[in-house]
């Protein structure tokens, strides 16, 4: 059974740890993340970008697969299925499809329009027991065509959006999607502390968790970050393990070309990085 992310993140804020959002792209990804969460007794958030949702033929397919998998694999830890960087229309599609959480990314709208749309979606989501994340200040890098330059969110704007009743807030503090450039300045903890001061115990979200040094992650968690999104790192681990399998000629031995065998090393590699992140975030045995 899917749950909203609200309770798991409120517990994380109180317990000074973070819950990982790991993005899913297909069956292997989903299976690897769910089984790792269960093995480590950790709550988990499955993130789905609009691009990945489209790739998997639609949000209804995704929700049906995840719900069935939770049942078939006897997953008992809390699992939220979350729309990542959702458009206004995308949020409604996911609400209808049975997602338990959505992110409305209105950061590219003028603040008044962002406020109006967020307010409406908060009402709709809360009537259905769905959690909602909002974003202030674009996150750097690129995700499904959405490009941002690693901006720092305005604390007052954060408060304005927080006051609308969202369940958690993504605020840009210099983080970037994808691989971090050599000249990256690091996270802006002063900005994070100012935002935290204004929004109180509302859980904060760190997007672009790949490549941020472990000590920075720990500091961010100590300052109220309760949800950290990981995507690129899983992709890189998957790619590397798949490359090794093929370069070693394993796909040419016996039935090594069978997709179940071909995709197995990559799937196992995802489990390794997901467990590492759960250890770093402190979510193990917090289910």
Protein backbone atom coordinates (compact mmCIF):
# COMPACT_ATOMS: atom_id res chain seq x y z
CA UNK A 1 0.00 0.00 0.00
CA UNK A 2 1.27 3.46 -0.88
CA UNK A 3 1.39 6.18 1.78
CA UNK A 4 1.78 9.92 1.52
CA UNK A 5 5.26 11.23 2.29
CA UNK A 6 4.08 13.64 5.00
CA UNK A 7 4.36 11.39 8.05
CA UNK A 8 7.70 9.84 7.03
CA UNK A 9 9.24 13.29 6.47
CA UNK A 10 7.87 14.80 9.68
CA UNK A 11 9.42 11.85 11.54
CA UNK A 12 12.68 12.46 9.68
CA UNK A 13 12.78 16.13 10.75
CA UNK A 14 12.16 15.12 14.37
CA UNK A 15 14.78 12.36 14.20
CA UNK A 16 17.40 14.41 12.30
CA UNK A 17 17.68 12.05 9.34
CA UNK A 18 16.50 12.19 5.72
CA UNK A 19 14.46 9.90 3.49
CA UNK A 20 15.80 9.28 0.01
CA UNK A 21 13.74 9.88 -3.10
CA UNK A 22 15.10 7.53 -5.73
CA UNK A 23 13.80 8.06 -9.24
CA UNK A 24 12.46 5.07 -11.14
CA UNK A 25 12.66 4.48 -14.88
CA UNK A 26 11.46 0.91 -15.34
CA UNK A 27 10.66 -2.38 -13.61
CA UNK A 28 14.28 -3.15 -12.69
CA UNK A 29 14.79 0.24 -11.08
CA UNK A 30 11.59 -0.06 -9.05
CA UNK A 31 12.32 -3.61 -7.91
CA UNK A 32 15.90 -2.73 -6.88
CA UNK A 33 14.84 0.28 -4.81
CA UNK A 34 11.87 -1.40 -3.12
CA UNK A 35 13.81 -4.53 -2.16
CA UNK A 36 16.70 -2.45 -0.80
CA UNK A 37 14.29 -0.38 1.31
CA UNK A 38 12.70 -3.55 2.69
CA UNK A 39 16.08 -5.22 3.41
CA UNK A 40 17.22 -2.13 5.30
CA UNK A 41 13.90 -1.39 7.01
CA UNK A 42 13.92 2.12 5.54
CA UNK A 43 11.05 4.32 4.39
CA UNK A 44 11.44 5.28 0.74
CA UNK A 45 10.07 7.68 -1.87
CA UNK A 46 9.91 6.57 -5.50
CA UNK A 47 10.28 9.61 -7.74
CA UNK A 48 8.84 9.75 -11.24
CA UNK A 49 9.66 12.63 -13.56
CA UNK A 50 7.16 13.51 -16.29
CA UNK A 51 9.64 12.22 -18.86
CA UNK A 52 10.01 8.89 -17.08
CA UNK A 53 6.23 8.66 -16.69
CA UNK A 54 5.83 9.14 -20.42
CA UNK A 55 8.58 6.59 -21.11
CA UNK A 56 6.73 4.01 -18.97
CA UNK A 57 3.61 4.74 -21.11
CA UNK A 58 1.82 6.87 -18.53
CA UNK A 59 1.28 7.49 -14.82
CA UNK A 60 -1.49 4.88 -14.55
CA UNK A 61 0.95 2.19 -15.71
CA UNK A 62 3.53 3.38 -13.16
CA UNK A 63 1.06 3.44 -10.26
CA UNK A 64 -0.33 0.01 -11.15
CA UNK A 65 3.16 -1.50 -11.41
CA UNK A 66 4.35 -0.02 -8.11
CA UNK A 67 1.22 -1.04 -6.19
CA UNK A 68 1.33 -4.59 -7.57
CA UNK A 69 5.05 -4.87 -6.85
CA UNK A 70 4.60 -3.78 -3.22
CA UNK A 71 2.04 -6.58 -2.85
CA UNK A 72 3.99 -9.27 -4.74
CA UNK A 73 7.29 -8.53 -2.96
CA UNK A 74 5.60 -8.24 0.47
CA UNK A 75 7.00 -4.73 1.00
CA UNK A 76 5.97 -3.55 4.48
CA UNK A 77 8.10 -0.38 4.83
CA UNK A 78 6.40 2.96 4.06
CA UNK A 79 6.54 3.72 0.32
CA UNK A 80 5.43 6.98 -1.31
CA UNK A 81 5.02 7.30 -5.08
CA UNK A 82 5.91 10.87 -5.93
CA UNK A 83 5.70 13.00 -9.07
CA UNK A 84 9.02 14.82 -9.47
CA UNK A 85 9.02 18.37 -10.91
CA UNK A 86 5.39 18.12 -11.91
CA UNK A 87 3.63 20.57 -14.17
CA UNK A 88 0.16 21.77 -13.20
CA UNK A 89 -1.48 19.26 -15.58
CA UNK A 90 0.96 16.52 -14.58
CA UNK A 91 -0.05 16.88 -10.93
CA UNK A 92 -3.72 16.31 -11.80
CA UNK A 93 -2.85 13.28 -13.94
CA UNK A 94 -0.89 11.73 -11.05
CA UNK A 95 -3.62 12.47 -8.52
CA UNK A 96 -6.03 10.67 -10.84
CA UNK A 97 -3.59 7.79 -11.48
CA UNK A 98 -3.25 7.00 -7.76
CA UNK A 99 0.09 8.56 -6.80
CA UNK A 100 0.42 9.22 -3.07
CA UNK A 101 2.51 12.38 -3.41
CA UNK A 102 3.17 15.08 -6.00
CA UNK A 103 5.56 17.93 -6.52
CA UNK A 104 4.21 21.02 -8.21
CA UNK A 105 7.11 22.89 -9.72
CA UNK A 106 5.74 26.38 -10.20
CA UNK A 107 9.17 27.96 -9.77
CA UNK A 108 9.19 29.28 -13.36
CA UNK A 109 5.88 31.15 -12.86
CA UNK A 110 5.75 34.66 -11.39
CA UNK A 111 5.45 34.23 -7.59
CA UNK A 112 1.74 35.24 -7.54
CA UNK A 113 0.82 32.61 -10.11
CA UNK A 114 2.97 30.01 -8.33
CA UNK A 115 1.09 30.86 -5.11
CA UNK A 116 -2.37 30.61 -6.71
CA UNK A 117 -1.72 27.28 -8.42
CA UNK A 118 0.03 25.81 -5.37
CA UNK A 119 -2.86 26.86 -3.13
CA UNK A 120 -5.38 25.12 -5.38
CA UNK A 121 -3.30 21.93 -5.59
CA UNK A 122 -2.75 21.85 -1.81
CA UNK A 123 -6.52 21.82 -1.32
CA UNK A 124 -7.10 19.06 -3.89
CA UNK A 125 -4.24 16.89 -2.60
CA UNK A 126 -5.14 17.21 1.06
CA UNK A 127 -8.76 16.27 0.38
CA UNK A 128 -7.40 12.99 -1.03
CA UNK A 129 -4.68 12.38 1.58
CA UNK A 130 -1.88 13.06 -0.92
CA UNK A 131 1.26 14.95 0.10
CA UNK A 132 2.46 17.91 -1.94
CA UNK A 133 5.90 19.44 -2.42
CA UNK A 134 6.46 22.91 -3.85
CA UNK A 135 9.58 24.60 -5.16
CA UNK A 136 11.05 28.07 -4.75
CA UNK A 137 14.09 29.26 -6.70
CA UNK A 138 15.19 27.05 -9.57
CA UNK A 139 17.54 24.18 -8.85
CA UNK A 140 20.62 24.25 -11.07
CA UNK A 141 21.41 21.90 -13.94
CA UNK A 142 18.97 20.16 -16.23
CA UNK A 143 16.16 17.70 -15.59
CA UNK A 144 13.87 16.67 -18.41
CA UNK A 145 14.49 19.93 -20.22
CA UNK A 146 13.99 22.12 -17.15
CA UNK A 147 17.21 24.14 -16.80
CA UNK A 148 18.27 26.17 -13.74
CA UNK A 149 21.55 27.79 -12.78
CA UNK A 150 21.96 26.76 -9.15
CA UNK A 151 20.03 29.69 -7.75
CA UNK A 152 19.52 30.48 -4.12
CA UNK A 153 15.89 30.70 -3.04
CA UNK A 154 14.60 33.87 -1.41
CA UNK A 155 13.72 33.02 2.25
CA UNK A 156 10.67 35.33 2.16
CA UNK A 157 9.33 33.59 -0.95
CA UNK A 158 9.92 30.26 0.80
CA UNK A 159 7.80 31.43 3.72
CA UNK A 160 5.09 32.62 1.35
CA UNK A 161 4.86 29.17 -0.28
CA UNK A 162 5.30 27.30 3.03
CA UNK A 163 2.35 29.21 4.50
CA UNK A 164 0.07 27.77 1.80
CA UNK A 165 0.09 24.46 3.62
CA UNK A 166 2.48 22.45 1.44
CA UNK A 167 3.86 19.35 3.17
CA UNK A 168 7.52 19.88 2.21
CA UNK A 169 9.49 22.48 0.33
CA UNK A 170 12.29 22.32 -2.22
CA UNK A 171 14.44 25.42 -1.93
CA UNK A 172 17.45 26.13 -4.14
CA UNK A 173 20.58 26.44 -2.00
CA UNK A 174 23.14 26.15 -4.79
CA UNK A 175 22.36 22.52 -5.61
CA UNK A 176 22.40 21.26 -9.20
CA UNK A 177 20.81 18.37 -11.09
CA UNK A 178 23.19 15.93 -12.75
CA UNK A 179 26.97 15.95 -12.43
CA UNK A 180 28.50 18.87 -10.52
CA UNK A 181 31.00 21.08 -12.38
CA UNK A 182 34.60 21.45 -11.11
CA UNK A 183 34.01 25.07 -10.09
CA UNK A 184 30.86 24.37 -8.02
CA UNK A 185 30.78 26.60 -4.94
CA UNK A 186 29.03 24.11 -2.64
CA UNK A 187 25.78 24.40 -0.73
CA UNK A 188 24.87 27.74 0.84
CA UNK A 189 24.22 26.83 4.48
CA UNK A 190 23.59 30.44 5.50
CA UNK A 191 20.70 30.59 3.05
CA UNK A 192 19.44 27.23 4.34
CA UNK A 193 19.55 28.43 7.96
CA UNK A 194 17.63 31.62 7.05
CA UNK A 195 14.96 29.61 5.22
CA UNK A 196 14.67 27.17 8.15
CA UNK A 197 14.27 30.07 10.58
CA UNK A 198 11.23 31.31 8.66
CA UNK A 199 9.52 27.99 7.89
CA UNK A 200 10.06 26.17 11.21
CA UNK A 201 9.63 22.39 11.18
CA UNK A 202 8.43 22.10 7.59
CA UNK A 203 10.61 19.42 5.96
CA UNK A 204 13.04 20.75 3.37
CA UNK A 205 13.99 18.93 0.18
CA UNK A 206 17.41 18.80 -1.42
CA UNK A 207 17.27 18.17 -5.17
CA UNK A 208 20.34 17.07 -7.09
CA UNK A 209 21.71 14.79 -4.36
CA UNK A 210 24.27 13.21 -6.71
CA UNK A 211 27.80 14.45 -6.18
CA UNK A 212 27.23 16.53 -3.05
CA UNK A 213 29.99 15.56 -0.58
CA UNK A 214 28.86 13.44 2.39
CA UNK A 215 29.79 16.05 4.99
CA UNK A 216 27.65 18.66 3.22
CA UNK A 217 24.74 16.22 3.10
CA UNK A 218 25.06 15.63 6.85
CA UNK A 219 25.17 19.38 7.57
CA UNK A 220 22.09 19.92 5.38
CA UNK A 221 20.22 17.18 7.30
CA UNK A 222 21.19 18.79 10.62
CA UNK A 223 19.66 22.05 9.29
CA UNK A 224 16.26 20.52 8.48
CA UNK A 225 16.64 18.80 5.11
CA UNK A 226 14.49 15.66 5.39
CA UNK A 227 14.19 14.50 1.77
CA UNK A 228 17.08 14.09 -0.63
CA UNK A 229 16.58 13.27 -4.29
CA UNK A 230 18.92 10.83 -6.00
CA UNK A 231 18.72 9.95 -9.68
CA UNK A 232 21.93 10.49 -11.69
CA UNK A 233 24.02 8.36 -9.33
CA UNK A 234 21.74 5.34 -9.79
CA UNK A 235 21.96 5.82 -13.56
CA UNK A 236 25.76 5.97 -13.46
CA UNK A 237 26.03 2.81 -11.32
CA UNK A 238 23.60 1.00 -13.63
CA UNK A 239 25.51 2.11 -16.72
CA UNK A 240 28.90 1.11 -15.34
CA UNK A 241 27.81 -2.40 -14.30
CA UNK A 242 26.08 -2.96 -17.65
CA UNK A 243 29.16 -1.80 -19.54
CA UNK A 244 31.39 -4.19 -17.57
CA UNK A 245 29.06 -7.12 -18.29
CA UNK A 246 29.11 -6.46 -22.03
CA UNK A 247 32.81 -5.60 -22.23
CA UNK A 248 33.59 -8.88 -20.46
CA UNK A 249 31.65 -10.63 -23.24
CA UNK A 250 29.16 -12.13 -20.77
CA UNK A 251 26.28 -11.38 -23.13
CA UNK A 252 27.87 -13.78 -25.63
CA UNK A 253 28.18 -16.70 -23.19
CA UNK A 254 25.30 -19.18 -23.09
CA UNK A 255 22.02 -17.34 -22.55
CA UNK A 256 23.84 -14.18 -21.46
CA UNK A 257 21.85 -12.19 -24.02
CA UNK A 258 18.61 -12.83 -22.08
CA UNK A 259 17.45 -9.38 -20.88
CA UNK A 260 16.97 -10.76 -17.38
CA UNK A 261 20.67 -11.67 -17.31
CA UNK A 262 21.78 -8.59 -19.24
CA UNK A 263 20.04 -6.19 -16.83
CA UNK A 264 20.88 -8.08 -13.62
CA UNK A 265 24.33 -6.53 -12.93
CA UNK A 266 22.95 -3.01 -13.35
CA UNK A 267 20.00 -3.80 -11.10
CA UNK A 268 22.33 -5.13 -8.38
CA UNK A 269 24.49 -2.02 -8.73
CA UNK A 270 21.48 0.22 -8.06
CA UNK A 271 20.89 -1.70 -4.82
CA UNK A 272 24.46 -0.96 -3.73
CA UNK A 273 24.20 2.80 -4.22
CA UNK A 274 20.68 3.00 -2.73
CA UNK A 275 21.88 1.24 0.42
CA UNK A 276 24.90 3.57 0.64
CA UNK A 277 22.62 6.59 0.39
CA UNK A 278 20.22 5.21 3.02
CA UNK A 279 23.18 4.78 5.36
CA UNK A 280 24.38 8.34 4.68
CA UNK A 281 20.88 9.81 5.09
CA UNK A 282 20.33 7.87 8.34
CA UNK A 283 17.03 6.27 7.26
CA UNK A 284 17.98 2.63 7.93
CA UNK A 285 15.73 0.97 10.54
CA UNK A 286 13.48 4.05 10.59
CA UNK A 287 10.51 2.38 8.84
